Amino acid sequence: MAATYVAVLNGLVGSSFLCGGNSSNRVLLGIPTVARPAVGRRRPVVVAAAAKPKKSWIPGVRGGGNFIDPEWLDGSLPGDYGFDPLGLGKDPAFLKWYREAELIHGRWAMTAVIGIFVGQAWSGVPWFEAGADPGAIAPFSFGSLLGTQLLLMGWVESKRWVDFFNPQSQSVEWATPWSKTAENFANATGDQGYPGGKFFDPLCLGGTIKDGVYVPDYEKLERLKLAEIKHARIAMLAMLVFYFEAGQGKTPLGALGL
């Protein structure tokens, strides 16, 4: 206790606020003087800024094991909020494949949502009854349509599968016979799933054209990637809602009172 008392008084009396830093006041108060090591000129101490906490897919929760913040999701993917409760992305190769699948499903969903709204607003026929409408033009039977779709989509998906494991292997003239040059279908950004170029980015939203050559702007591209994946996820959720509404005989426009 005595040692603690002396230490506290040393700290208080040693302050310039109480005694101006004069050591003679210590003698008057009967406080033993403790020798302090000589201190040279102070140097500025640089403290590294703390890393920003990673955003979580559960509001109000910033961490908490692999369920909230899995270690295999490092935030490098656009829209990564740590959502992988089933651990599907532990394998880096499969994680890349799942992101590719998410992008494609999201792009189809965005197209479908627009088509459902525009189609019903134009014709007045609900999207889930469009094929059964007596006035619909159906030059092909269902079997012919299904077979043609399986053939064409199978060909495209097989090419995408091969190109995924061997990037740009499908950008050759024999694989795109309708194109005079394979450069139109080449990956201008070098990033899987974001080909860019004059054919896939005609409005130059993610790049510019200089001397007839497409030059990607990666800063713009990163912002567009995040915006696209957010819209894609909303569209997929919207399609899920449309399916439940269709099961009850309701339409999206009807649910909005239009």
Protein backbone atom coordinates (compact mmCIF):
# COMPACT_ATOMS: atom_id res chain seq x y z
CA MET A 1 0.00 0.00 0.00
CA ALA A 2 2.84 2.40 0.84
CA ALA A 3 4.47 1.81 -2.49
CA THR A 4 1.16 2.40 -4.28
CA TYR A 5 0.59 5.63 -2.29
CA VAL A 6 4.04 6.96 -3.22
CA ALA A 7 3.55 6.06 -6.87
CA VAL A 8 0.20 7.88 -7.04
CA LEU A 9 1.54 11.02 -5.41
CA ASN A 10 4.60 10.96 -7.64
CA GLY A 11 2.30 10.98 -10.65
CA LEU A 12 0.10 13.78 -9.36
CA VAL A 13 2.76 16.08 -8.00
CA GLY A 14 4.98 15.50 -10.96
CA SER A 15 2.40 17.06 -13.21
CA SER A 16 2.89 20.68 -14.28
CA PHE A 17 -0.77 21.30 -13.44
CA LEU A 18 -0.20 20.85 -9.67
CA CYS A 19 3.36 21.91 -9.06
CA GLY A 20 4.71 23.25 -12.30
CA GLY A 21 7.08 20.34 -12.52
CA ASN A 22 9.26 21.82 -9.73
CA SER A 23 11.01 19.03 -7.79
CA SER A 24 11.27 21.22 -4.66
CA ASN A 25 7.55 20.75 -4.05
CA ARG A 26 8.21 17.04 -3.58
CA VAL A 27 10.46 17.81 -0.63
CA LEU A 28 7.83 20.07 0.94
CA LEU A 29 5.22 17.34 0.71
CA GLY A 30 7.58 14.71 2.02
CA ILE A 31 7.47 12.62 -1.13
CA PRO A 32 10.60 10.66 -1.96
CA THR A 33 12.09 11.53 -5.29
CA VAL A 34 12.33 8.64 -7.71
CA ALA A 35 15.11 8.80 -10.24
CA ARG A 36 13.82 8.62 -13.78
CA PRO A 37 15.84 7.60 -16.75
CA ALA A 38 16.85 10.35 -19.10
CA VAL A 39 14.49 10.71 -21.95
CA GLY A 40 15.70 12.03 -25.21
CA ARG A 41 13.76 13.99 -27.77
CA ARG A 42 10.39 12.46 -28.38
CA ARG A 43 9.77 10.93 -31.76
CA PRO A 44 6.38 10.89 -33.39
CA VAL A 45 4.71 7.51 -33.08
CA VAL A 46 2.84 6.35 -36.15
CA VAL A 47 -0.07 4.10 -35.32
CA ALA A 48 -1.43 2.01 -38.16
CA ALA A 49 -5.10 2.62 -38.82
CA ALA A 50 -7.28 -0.29 -37.88
CA ALA A 51 -8.62 -2.27 -40.80
CA LYS A 52 -12.22 -1.58 -41.64
CA PRO A 53 -14.52 -4.34 -40.45
CA LYS A 54 -15.79 -6.53 -43.24
CA LYS A 55 -19.43 -6.04 -44.07
CA SER A 56 -21.68 -8.84 -42.93
CA TRP A 57 -24.71 -10.39 -44.61
CA ILE A 58 -26.46 -10.36 -41.23
CA PRO A 59 -27.29 -6.76 -40.20
CA GLY A 60 -25.68 -5.71 -36.95
CA VAL A 61 -23.23 -8.64 -36.85
CA ARG A 62 -19.60 -8.07 -37.88
CA GLY A 63 -18.01 -11.38 -37.09
CA GLY A 64 -18.49 -14.76 -35.54
CA GLY A 65 -16.82 -17.75 -37.13
CA ASN A 66 -17.24 -19.25 -40.57
CA PHE A 67 -21.00 -18.90 -40.50
CA ILE A 68 -20.79 -15.09 -40.42
CA ASP A 69 -17.33 -14.42 -41.84
CA PRO A 70 -15.92 -17.53 -43.55
CA GLU A 71 -12.18 -17.51 -43.94
CA TRP A 72 -12.30 -18.57 -47.60
CA LEU A 73 -14.13 -15.36 -48.54
CA ASP A 74 -11.50 -12.64 -48.40
CA GLY A 75 -13.58 -9.79 -49.83
CA SER A 76 -11.90 -9.84 -53.24
CA LEU A 77 -15.14 -10.74 -55.04
CA PRO A 78 -17.58 -7.90 -55.77
CA GLY A 79 -20.51 -8.01 -53.37
CA ASP A 80 -18.76 -10.33 -50.91
CA TYR A 81 -20.54 -10.02 -47.56
CA GLY A 82 -19.46 -13.38 -46.17
CA PHE A 83 -22.57 -15.30 -47.21
CA ASP A 84 -21.70 -18.97 -47.57
CA PRO A 85 -23.43 -20.81 -44.71
CA LEU A 86 -23.14 -24.18 -46.50
CA GLY A 87 -19.42 -23.80 -47.21
CA LEU A 88 -19.81 -24.26 -50.95
CA GLY A 89 -16.91 -21.96 -51.78
CA LYS A 90 -14.18 -23.60 -49.71
CA ASP A 91 -12.56 -24.86 -52.90
CA PRO A 92 -11.19 -21.82 -54.81
CA ALA A 93 -11.99 -23.42 -58.18
CA PHE A 94 -15.60 -24.08 -57.22
CA LEU A 95 -15.90 -20.61 -55.69
CA LYS A 96 -14.95 -19.12 -59.04
CA TRP A 97 -17.43 -21.39 -60.80
CA TYR A 98 -20.25 -20.50 -58.40
CA ARG A 99 -19.59 -16.79 -58.95
CA GLU A 100 -19.78 -17.40 -62.70
CA ALA A 101 -23.10 -19.23 -62.22
CA GLU A 102 -24.42 -16.45 -59.98
CA LEU A 103 -23.58 -13.86 -62.61
CA ILE A 104 -25.29 -15.75 -65.42
CA HIS A 105 -28.41 -16.59 -63.39
CA GLY A 106 -28.59 -12.98 -62.24
CA ARG A 107 -28.33 -11.64 -65.79
CA TRP A 108 -31.07 -13.99 -66.97
CA ALA A 109 -33.21 -12.95 -64.00
CA MET A 110 -32.78 -9.25 -64.76
CA THR A 111 -33.78 -9.87 -68.37
CA ALA A 112 -36.77 -11.99 -67.29
CA VAL A 113 -38.05 -9.38 -64.82
CA ILE A 114 -38.05 -6.70 -67.51
CA GLY A 115 -39.68 -9.09 -70.00
CA ILE A 116 -42.43 -10.04 -67.55
CA PHE A 117 -43.38 -6.45 -66.83
CA VAL A 118 -43.14 -5.25 -70.44
CA GLY A 119 -44.86 -8.34 -71.86
CA GLN A 120 -47.88 -8.10 -69.60
CA ALA A 121 -48.12 -4.32 -69.96
CA TRP A 122 -48.04 -4.69 -73.76
CA SER A 123 -50.34 -7.67 -74.24
CA GLY A 124 -52.28 -7.89 -71.00
CA VAL A 125 -51.48 -11.61 -70.76
CA PRO A 126 -49.80 -12.87 -67.55
CA TRP A 127 -46.34 -14.24 -68.10
CA PHE A 128 -47.25 -17.72 -66.84
CA GLU A 129 -50.15 -17.92 -69.34
CA ALA A 130 -48.40 -16.48 -72.39
CA GLY A 131 -47.83 -19.88 -73.99
CA ALA A 132 -51.45 -20.94 -73.47
CA ASP A 133 -52.98 -17.82 -74.95
CA PRO A 134 -55.17 -18.76 -77.96
CA GLY A 135 -53.98 -15.71 -79.85
CA ALA A 136 -50.31 -16.48 -79.32
CA ILE A 137 -48.26 -17.26 -82.40
CA ALA A 138 -46.73 -20.71 -82.05
CA PRO A 139 -45.09 -21.80 -85.32
CA PHE A 140 -43.33 -24.69 -83.57
CA SER A 141 -44.60 -27.50 -81.43
CA PHE A 142 -43.49 -27.72 -77.82
CA GLY A 143 -41.23 -30.67 -78.59
CA SER A 144 -39.52 -28.84 -81.46
CA LEU A 145 -39.03 -25.74 -79.35
CA LEU A 146 -37.64 -27.72 -76.41
CA GLY A 147 -35.28 -29.72 -78.60
CA THR A 148 -33.99 -26.60 -80.37
CA GLN A 149 -33.43 -24.84 -77.07
CA LEU A 150 -31.57 -27.80 -75.57
CA LEU A 151 -29.39 -28.04 -78.67
CA LEU A 152 -28.47 -24.35 -78.85
CA MET A 153 -28.12 -23.79 -75.12
CA GLY A 154 -26.15 -27.01 -74.75
CA TRP A 155 -23.72 -25.83 -77.42
CA VAL A 156 -23.28 -22.43 -75.78
CA GLU A 157 -22.96 -23.86 -72.27
CA SER A 158 -20.43 -26.46 -73.38
CA LYS A 159 -18.31 -23.71 -74.92
CA ARG A 160 -18.58 -21.67 -71.72
CA TRP A 161 -17.53 -24.70 -69.65
CA VAL A 162 -14.45 -25.25 -71.79
CA ASP A 163 -13.57 -21.55 -71.79
CA PHE A 164 -13.90 -21.41 -68.00
CA PHE A 165 -11.09 -23.94 -67.49
CA ASN A 166 -9.12 -22.78 -70.54
CA PRO A 167 -9.75 -19.01 -70.82
CA GLN A 168 -10.07 -17.54 -74.32
CA SER A 169 -9.73 -20.97 -75.88
CA GLN A 170 -13.11 -20.49 -77.59
CA SER A 171 -12.27 -17.10 -79.11
CA VAL A 172 -11.27 -18.53 -82.45
CA GLU A 173 -12.85 -18.10 -85.86
CA TRP A 174 -13.98 -21.71 -86.22
CA ALA A 175 -15.91 -21.41 -82.95
CA THR A 176 -17.71 -18.26 -84.12
CA PRO A 177 -18.29 -18.89 -87.84
CA TRP A 178 -20.68 -15.94 -88.20
CA SER A 179 -17.96 -13.48 -87.17
CA LYS A 180 -15.31 -12.26 -89.56
CA THR A 181 -12.90 -11.81 -86.69
CA ALA A 182 -12.55 -13.57 -83.35
CA GLU A 183 -11.47 -10.33 -81.70
CA ASN A 184 -15.12 -9.32 -81.28
CA PHE A 185 -15.62 -12.23 -78.88
CA ALA A 186 -12.29 -12.03 -77.07
CA ASN A 187 -12.02 -11.05 -73.41
CA ALA A 188 -10.92 -7.42 -73.51
CA THR A 189 -10.72 -7.00 -69.73
CA GLY A 190 -8.91 -10.24 -68.92
CA ASP A 191 -11.42 -10.87 -66.12
CA GLN A 192 -13.58 -13.99 -66.23
CA GLY A 193 -17.24 -13.17 -66.75
CA TYR A 194 -16.61 -9.58 -67.83
CA PRO A 195 -15.52 -9.71 -71.48
CA GLY A 196 -16.00 -6.02 -72.27
CA GLY A 197 -14.81 -4.94 -75.70
CA LYS A 198 -16.66 -3.25 -78.54
CA PHE A 199 -19.11 -6.14 -78.86
CA PHE A 200 -20.00 -6.69 -75.17
CA ASP A 201 -19.62 -3.06 -74.09
CA PRO A 202 -20.84 -1.01 -77.07
CA LEU A 203 -21.70 2.00 -74.87
CA CYS A 204 -18.20 1.95 -73.34
CA LEU A 205 -19.54 2.00 -69.79
CA GLY A 206 -16.47 0.18 -68.48
CA GLY A 207 -13.83 1.46 -70.87
CA THR A 208 -12.97 3.70 -73.79
CA ILE A 209 -12.05 3.21 -77.41
CA LYS A 210 -8.73 4.69 -78.45
CA ASP A 211 -7.59 4.40 -82.05
CA GLY A 212 -10.19 1.71 -82.62
CA VAL A 213 -8.96 -0.39 -79.67
CA TYR A 214 -11.07 -0.97 -76.57
CA VAL A 215 -9.21 0.05 -73.40
CA PRO A 216 -10.88 -1.05 -70.14
CA ASP A 217 -11.20 1.38 -67.24
CA TYR A 218 -10.77 -0.91 -64.22
CA GLU A 219 -11.92 1.70 -61.70
CA LYS A 220 -15.25 2.03 -63.51
CA LEU A 221 -15.36 -1.72 -64.02
CA GLU A 222 -15.11 -2.41 -60.27
CA ARG A 223 -18.04 -0.10 -59.55
CA LEU A 224 -20.09 -1.70 -62.31
CA LYS A 225 -19.30 -5.19 -61.01
CA LEU A 226 -20.68 -4.31 -57.58
CA ALA A 227 -23.75 -2.61 -59.03
CA GLU A 228 -24.44 -5.54 -61.36
CA ILE A 229 -24.21 -8.26 -58.71
CA LYS A 230 -26.52 -6.28 -56.39
CA HIS A 231 -29.11 -5.84 -59.15
CA ALA A 232 -28.70 -9.49 -60.15
CA ARG A 233 -29.44 -10.71 -56.63
CA ILE A 234 -32.49 -8.48 -56.34
CA ALA A 235 -33.75 -9.76 -59.70
CA MET A 236 -33.33 -13.40 -58.63
CA LEU A 237 -35.28 -12.71 -55.45
CA ALA A 238 -37.93 -10.93 -57.53
CA MET A 239 -38.29 -13.98 -59.78
CA LEU A 240 -38.72 -16.17 -56.71
CA VAL A 241 -41.55 -13.89 -55.57
CA PHE A 242 -43.07 -14.02 -59.08
CA TYR A 243 -43.14 -17.83 -58.90
CA PHE A 244 -45.00 -17.77 -55.58
CA GLU A 245 -47.42 -15.19 -56.97
CA ALA A 246 -48.03 -17.29 -60.07
CA GLY A 247 -48.90 -20.25 -57.85
CA GLN A 248 -51.69 -18.11 -56.41
CA GLY A 249 -52.81 -16.87 -59.83
CA LYS A 250 -51.41 -13.38 -59.25
CA THR A 251 -49.18 -11.28 -61.45
CA PRO A 252 -46.48 -8.71 -60.57
CA LEU A 253 -48.49 -5.87 -62.08
CA GLY A 254 -51.61 -7.06 -60.29
CA ALA A 255 -49.73 -7.13 -56.98
CA LEU A 256 -48.76 -3.50 -57.61
CA GLY A 257 -52.36 -2.60 -58.37
CA LEU A 258 -51.67 -1.91 -62.06
